[in-house]
Amino acid sequence: MSLEHMMGPPPLPSDQLLALSDAQVFSVMTRRIFRAGLKHSLVDAKWPVFESVFYGFNPEAVQEMSDEQLEGLMHDERIIRHFGKIKATRENALMMVDLAQEYGSVAKMIAHWPVTDIVSLWNLLKKRGKQLGGNSVPYFLRMLGKDTFMLTDDVVVALKALGIVDKKPTAQRDLKQVQAAFNEWHQESGRAMCQISRVLAHSIGQGHV
């Protein structure tokens, strides 16, 4: 496999991220949440129904859904009936509305967020959202097209081998240390964070990024 093939596609440019509606951003976020622990194709096949029952993922509409409406979705066999994730969708709609008021739009916030401090965006969304722990935020950003590195098992093994960390980084101090290493490689190579992440993963194992 050539190095270029190993790196995979680049992230979306900022202008394309800016062109996304917050409903599109919210849909991708929620799809990532429902994909966690399930076969992605199963979730994707049901997604048109999710779009319908959640009002096209209009955050303003979803935040107004009643408890009875959410409970009613547990009887809808067309969707994945996980009540924790269904409830999180309304709570994340509230977050989307709040962030849009603070930044103009969530798409604008994400598009303008510096990749050299992407771990702070991870932390913001994890703290203010629901069902966005672990690698969920980086996976969501990657699905959306925002440049970000990943901390998959293969990437963590590579970081350990390079002496960047001695365990899976979860504390903010450790994440900042990893960010600093990626920033250095990003500056030296001119490559996107996601591409550097893929190279690290391929250097160790199956290339899970």
Protein backbone atom coordinates (compact mmCIF):
# COMPACT_ATOMS: atom_id res chain seq x y z
CA MET A 1 0.00 0.00 0.00
CA SER A 2 1.39 3.39 -0.98
CA LEU A 3 1.76 6.18 1.57
CA GLU A 4 -0.80 8.31 -0.26
CA HIS A 5 -3.34 5.48 -0.21
CA MET A 6 -2.62 4.87 3.46
CA MET A 7 -3.38 8.50 4.30
CA GLY A 8 -6.83 8.37 2.80
CA PRO A 9 -8.94 11.37 1.79
CA PRO A 10 -8.33 14.86 3.18
CA PRO A 11 -10.90 16.60 5.40
CA LEU A 12 -13.48 18.98 4.01
CA PRO A 13 -12.33 22.57 3.51
CA SER A 14 -13.79 25.11 5.92
CA ASP A 15 -16.10 26.66 3.32
CA GLN A 16 -17.83 23.31 2.78
CA LEU A 17 -18.27 22.83 6.53
CA LEU A 18 -19.69 26.36 6.77
CA ALA A 19 -22.23 25.48 4.09
CA LEU A 20 -23.75 22.75 6.29
CA SER A 21 -26.95 23.51 8.14
CA ASP A 22 -27.12 22.82 11.85
CA ALA A 23 -29.78 20.21 11.06
CA GLN A 24 -27.22 18.37 8.93
CA VAL A 25 -24.63 18.62 11.70
CA PHE A 26 -27.16 17.39 14.27
CA SER A 27 -28.14 14.46 12.05
CA VAL A 28 -24.52 13.32 11.68
CA MET A 29 -23.94 13.67 15.43
CA THR A 30 -27.01 11.61 16.24
CA ARG A 31 -26.18 8.98 13.65
CA ARG A 32 -22.77 8.55 15.24
CA ILE A 33 -24.42 8.11 18.66
CA PHE A 34 -26.80 5.44 17.38
CA ARG A 35 -24.02 3.70 15.43
CA ALA A 36 -21.99 3.15 18.62
CA GLY A 37 -21.98 -0.56 19.41
CA LEU A 38 -24.08 -1.47 16.38
CA LYS A 39 -23.45 -2.45 12.78
CA HIS A 40 -23.25 0.84 10.90
CA SER A 41 -25.20 -0.44 7.91
CA LEU A 42 -28.13 -1.32 10.21
CA VAL A 43 -28.31 2.24 11.53
CA ASP A 44 -27.79 3.80 8.10
CA ALA A 45 -30.63 1.75 6.58
CA LYS A 46 -33.02 3.13 9.19
CA TRP A 47 -31.80 6.71 9.00
CA PRO A 48 -34.53 8.08 6.68
CA VAL A 49 -37.07 7.11 9.35
CA PHE A 50 -34.96 8.77 12.05
CA GLU A 51 -34.95 11.93 9.93
CA SER A 52 -38.73 11.77 9.79
CA VAL A 53 -39.49 11.13 13.47
CA PHE A 54 -36.97 13.75 14.60
CA TYR A 55 -38.31 16.54 12.35
CA GLY A 56 -35.39 16.48 9.92
CA PHE A 57 -33.12 17.03 12.93
CA ASN A 58 -34.18 20.65 13.23
CA PRO A 59 -32.70 21.39 16.69
CA GLU A 60 -35.41 23.90 17.60
CA ALA A 61 -38.14 21.35 16.87
CA VAL A 62 -36.43 18.41 18.58
CA GLN A 63 -35.77 20.37 21.78
CA GLU A 64 -39.55 20.87 22.09
CA MET A 65 -40.38 17.15 21.94
CA SER A 66 -42.33 16.04 25.01
CA ASP A 67 -41.53 13.12 27.29
CA GLU A 68 -44.60 11.39 25.87
CA GLN A 69 -43.31 11.79 22.32
CA LEU A 70 -39.94 10.33 23.25
CA GLU A 71 -41.56 7.44 25.08
CA GLY A 72 -43.80 6.87 22.08
CA LEU A 73 -40.73 6.33 19.89
CA MET A 74 -39.94 3.26 22.00
CA HIS A 75 -42.92 1.61 20.29
CA ASP A 76 -41.78 2.51 16.77
CA GLU A 77 -40.22 -0.65 15.34
CA ARG A 78 -38.83 1.27 12.36
CA ILE A 79 -36.09 2.85 14.48
CA ILE A 80 -33.53 1.61 17.02
CA ARG A 81 -35.33 1.70 20.35
CA HIS A 82 -32.60 2.68 22.78
CA PHE A 83 -34.23 5.04 25.26
CA GLY A 84 -30.96 6.49 26.55
CA LYS A 85 -29.99 7.55 23.02
CA ILE A 86 -33.50 8.74 22.20
CA LYS A 87 -33.51 10.97 25.30
CA ALA A 88 -29.99 12.17 24.46
CA THR A 89 -31.26 13.38 21.09
CA ARG A 90 -33.53 15.94 22.77
CA GLU A 91 -30.78 16.96 25.20
CA ASN A 92 -28.31 17.36 22.35
CA ALA A 93 -30.86 19.48 20.50
CA LEU A 94 -30.80 21.86 23.47
CA MET A 95 -27.00 21.94 23.24
CA MET A 96 -27.18 22.65 19.50
CA VAL A 97 -29.53 25.58 20.05
CA ASP A 98 -27.34 27.00 22.83
CA LEU A 99 -24.15 26.67 20.78
CA ALA A 100 -25.80 28.27 17.76
CA GLN A 101 -26.70 31.27 19.90
CA GLU A 102 -23.12 31.51 21.15
CA TYR A 103 -21.29 30.98 17.85
CA GLY A 104 -23.79 31.95 15.15
CA SER A 105 -24.22 28.31 14.15
CA VAL A 106 -22.74 24.99 15.21
CA ALA A 107 -21.39 24.50 11.70
CA LYS A 108 -19.60 27.84 12.01
CA MET A 109 -18.16 26.89 15.39
CA ILE A 110 -16.81 23.59 14.07
CA ALA A 111 -15.52 25.03 10.79
CA HIS A 112 -13.58 27.79 12.55
CA TRP A 113 -12.27 25.68 15.42
CA PRO A 114 -8.46 25.40 15.09
CA VAL A 115 -7.28 21.86 14.43
CA THR A 116 -4.25 22.69 16.58
CA ASP A 117 -6.58 22.61 19.60
CA ILE A 118 -9.09 20.01 18.47
CA VAL A 119 -9.03 18.25 21.85
CA SER A 120 -10.70 21.31 23.37
CA LEU A 121 -13.58 20.89 20.91
CA TRP A 122 -13.80 17.22 21.92
CA ASN A 123 -14.02 18.28 25.55
CA LEU A 124 -16.63 20.99 24.94
CA LEU A 125 -18.99 18.65 23.09
CA LYS A 126 -18.44 15.82 25.56
CA LYS A 127 -19.18 18.04 28.57
CA ARG A 128 -22.21 19.79 27.10
CA GLY A 129 -23.69 16.90 25.15
CA LYS A 130 -25.01 13.45 26.00
CA GLN A 131 -23.82 10.04 24.81
CA LEU A 132 -20.67 11.70 23.47
CA GLY A 133 -18.04 10.01 25.61
CA GLY A 134 -15.03 7.95 24.54
CA ASN A 135 -14.21 8.37 20.86
CA SER A 136 -17.73 9.45 19.89
CA VAL A 137 -16.87 13.13 19.33
CA PRO A 138 -13.78 12.45 17.16
CA TYR A 139 -15.77 9.90 15.14
CA PHE A 140 -18.60 12.40 14.70
CA LEU A 141 -16.18 15.11 13.56
CA ARG A 142 -14.52 12.69 11.15
CA MET A 143 -17.93 11.70 9.72
CA LEU A 144 -18.78 15.38 9.30
CA GLY A 145 -15.52 16.09 7.47
CA LYS A 146 -13.78 18.15 10.17
CA ASP A 147 -10.07 17.45 10.44
CA THR A 148 -9.24 15.56 13.60
CA PHE A 149 -6.92 12.82 14.72
CA MET A 150 -8.32 9.71 16.40
CA LEU A 151 -7.25 7.81 19.49
CA THR A 152 -8.06 4.28 18.37
CA ASP A 153 -6.20 1.37 19.92
CA ASP A 154 -3.68 1.28 17.06
CA VAL A 155 -2.99 5.01 17.29
CA VAL A 156 -2.52 4.78 21.06
CA VAL A 157 -0.06 1.88 20.63
CA ALA A 158 1.89 4.00 18.13
CA LEU A 159 1.92 6.97 20.51
CA LYS A 160 3.21 4.72 23.30
CA ALA A 161 5.96 3.38 21.04
CA LEU A 162 7.01 6.95 20.27
CA GLY A 163 7.10 7.83 23.97
CA ILE A 164 4.31 10.42 23.68
CA VAL A 165 2.11 8.68 26.27
CA ASP A 166 2.41 5.65 28.53
CA LYS A 167 -1.31 4.80 28.59
CA LYS A 168 -4.50 5.66 26.73
CA PRO A 169 -4.81 9.44 27.16
CA THR A 170 -8.02 10.55 28.87
CA ALA A 171 -6.94 13.36 31.22
CA GLN A 172 -6.79 16.83 29.68
CA ARG A 173 -3.06 17.09 30.44
CA ASP A 174 -2.36 13.90 28.46
CA LEU A 175 -4.63 14.96 25.62
CA LYS A 176 -2.82 18.29 25.37
CA GLN A 177 0.46 16.37 25.17
CA VAL A 178 -0.88 14.29 22.30
CA GLN A 179 -2.21 17.44 20.63
CA ALA A 180 1.25 19.02 20.85
CA ALA A 181 2.82 16.00 19.13
CA PHE A 182 0.23 16.06 16.33
CA ASN A 183 0.72 19.82 15.94
CA GLU A 184 4.44 19.29 15.44
CA TRP A 185 3.90 16.55 12.83
CA HIS A 186 1.20 18.67 11.17
CA GLN A 187 3.58 21.64 10.87
CA GLU A 188 6.51 19.54 9.67
CA SER A 189 4.58 17.53 7.08
CA GLY A 190 1.84 19.90 6.00
CA ARG A 191 -0.53 16.94 6.24
CA ALA A 192 -3.99 16.93 7.79
CA MET A 193 -4.42 15.58 11.31
CA CYS A 194 -6.65 12.77 10.03
CA GLN A 195 -3.96 11.66 7.56
CA ILE A 196 -1.23 11.65 10.21
CA SER A 197 -3.54 9.63 12.44
CA ARG A 198 -4.07 7.03 9.71
CA VAL A 199 -0.34 6.68 9.09
CA LEU A 200 0.27 6.11 12.80
CA ALA A 201 -2.44 3.46 12.90
CA HIS A 202 -1.11 1.65 9.83
CA SER A 203 2.40 1.70 11.29
CA ILE A 204 1.26 -0.53 14.15
CA GLY A 205 -1.57 -2.86 13.24
CA GLN A 206 -4.71 -3.09 11.16
CA GLY A 207 -4.88 0.63 10.56
CA HIS A 208 -7.98 1.26 12.67
CA VAL A 209 -8.44 5.04 12.58
